Amino acid sequence: MNAAERALSVFRCPPLRYNCAQSVYYAFGGEELLEPLQSCGGGRAPEGLCGALYGAIQAAPELEEKLREEFAALNGAVTCRQLKGEGRVPCEQCVRTACELLEKLRA
């Protein structure tokens, strides 16, 4: 199971029902920030960032600039409000994109 599949298996799914930020962070083996990330889904991450992107940044802070840049190039924005504004980027796609980018950049 790759990181995106791992993240999507817990994203809003029982029994864990993790939000986007928690799901991405969890997919990369993180556990220590799961509770603090509970408040970072649904557009509530700092700066209004997409929670999935924020979870990826928390998993690899050294890659923040590159993650933001590539996420924006693929999705057209980095904030939840912009991504959802016209209903154009579903949360599941954001989770998948954040995981795939982090796997690629870590390789």
Protein backbone atom coordinates (compact mmCIF):
# COMPACT_ATOMS: atom_id res chain seq x y z
CA MET A 1 0.00 0.00 0.00
CA ASN A 2 1.50 3.34 -1.00
CA ALA A 3 1.23 6.53 1.06
CA ALA A 4 -1.80 7.88 -0.80
CA GLU A 5 -3.70 4.63 -0.32
CA ARG A 6 -2.70 4.55 3.36
CA ALA A 7 -3.90 8.15 3.83
CA LEU A 8 -7.18 7.61 2.00
CA SER A 9 -7.86 4.45 4.02
CA VAL A 10 -8.18 6.56 7.19
CA PHE A 11 -9.47 9.83 5.70
CA ARG A 12 -12.97 10.25 7.14
CA CYS A 13 -13.22 6.44 7.45
CA PRO A 14 -14.11 4.60 10.65
CA PRO A 15 -12.76 3.86 13.10
CA LEU A 16 -10.14 6.64 12.97
CA ARG A 17 -11.96 9.26 10.82
CA TYR A 18 -8.86 11.39 10.40
CA ASN A 19 -9.10 14.75 8.67
CA CYS A 20 -6.97 15.60 5.62
CA ALA A 21 -3.96 16.87 7.61
CA GLN A 22 -3.98 13.89 9.97
CA SER A 23 -4.40 11.41 7.12
CA VAL A 24 -1.38 12.64 5.19
CA TYR A 25 0.78 12.87 8.30
CA TYR A 26 -0.30 9.37 9.40
CA ALA A 27 0.56 7.92 5.97
CA PHE A 28 4.18 8.85 6.52
CA GLY A 29 4.43 7.14 9.88
CA GLY A 30 3.80 10.18 12.02
CA GLU A 31 1.87 9.82 15.21
CA GLU A 32 3.12 12.52 17.59
CA LEU A 33 1.22 15.33 15.86
CA LEU A 34 -2.05 13.51 15.18
CA GLU A 35 -3.87 15.18 18.05
CA PRO A 36 -2.67 18.74 17.30
CA LEU A 37 -3.50 18.21 13.60
CA GLN A 38 -7.08 17.41 14.55
CA SER A 39 -7.85 21.13 14.33
CA CYS A 40 -6.16 21.62 10.95
CA GLY A 41 -8.73 20.17 8.56
CA GLY A 42 -11.55 21.94 6.76
CA GLY A 43 -9.63 25.12 6.01
CA ARG A 44 -8.40 25.63 9.58
CA ALA A 45 -4.70 24.98 8.99
CA PRO A 46 -2.42 28.00 9.52
CA GLU A 47 -2.70 30.59 6.74
CA GLY A 48 -5.83 28.77 5.53
CA LEU A 49 -3.59 26.18 3.86
CA CYS A 50 -5.10 23.02 2.50
CA GLY A 51 -4.96 20.57 5.40
CA ALA A 52 -3.50 17.82 3.24
CA LEU A 53 -0.66 20.10 2.18
CA TYR A 54 -0.16 21.19 5.78
CA GLY A 55 0.06 17.55 6.90
CA ALA A 56 2.73 16.90 4.28
CA ILE A 57 4.67 19.97 5.42
CA GLN A 58 4.53 18.75 9.02
CA ALA A 59 5.89 15.38 7.91
CA ALA A 60 8.80 17.03 6.04
CA PRO A 61 9.25 20.69 7.05
CA GLU A 62 12.50 20.90 5.09
CA LEU A 63 10.49 20.44 1.86
CA GLU A 64 7.87 23.12 2.60
CA GLU A 65 8.76 25.50 -0.20
CA LYS A 66 8.92 22.78 -2.84
CA LEU A 67 5.70 21.14 -1.59
CA ARG A 68 3.82 24.46 -1.75
CA GLU A 69 5.17 25.23 -5.20
CA GLU A 70 4.37 21.85 -6.74
CA PHE A 71 1.00 21.52 -5.01
CA ALA A 72 -0.02 24.92 -6.40
CA ALA A 73 1.19 23.97 -9.88
CA LEU A 74 -0.93 20.81 -9.84
CA ASN A 75 -4.05 22.19 -8.15
CA GLY A 76 -4.01 25.90 -8.93
CA ALA A 77 -3.94 26.98 -5.27
CA VAL A 78 -2.67 26.11 -1.80
CA THR A 79 -5.50 27.37 0.42
CA CYS A 80 -8.58 25.35 1.20
CA ARG A 81 -10.84 28.29 0.35
CA GLN A 82 -9.40 28.64 -3.14
CA LEU A 83 -9.36 24.89 -3.77
CA LYS A 84 -12.98 24.46 -2.74
CA GLY A 85 -14.15 27.87 -3.98
CA GLU A 86 -15.62 26.55 -7.15
CA GLY A 87 -15.78 22.94 -5.99
CA ARG A 88 -13.01 22.17 -8.36
CA VAL A 89 -10.60 20.11 -6.23
CA PRO A 90 -12.10 17.42 -3.96
CA CYS A 91 -10.47 16.77 -0.59
CA GLU A 92 -9.59 13.22 -1.61
CA GLN A 93 -7.61 14.57 -4.55
CA CYS A 94 -5.74 16.97 -2.26
CA VAL A 95 -4.83 14.10 0.07
CA ARG A 96 -3.62 11.99 -2.86
CA THR A 97 -1.63 14.88 -4.39
CA ALA A 98 0.04 15.79 -1.08
CA CYS A 99 1.11 12.18 -0.52
CA GLU A 100 2.37 11.67 -4.06
CA LEU A 101 4.38 14.91 -3.96
CA LEU A 102 5.94 14.07 -0.63
CA GLU A 103 6.90 10.58 -1.82
CA LYS A 104 8.41 12.05 -5.00
CA LEU A 105 10.34 14.78 -3.22
CA ARG A 106 11.71 12.40 -0.60
CA ALA A 107 12.98 9.95 -3.23
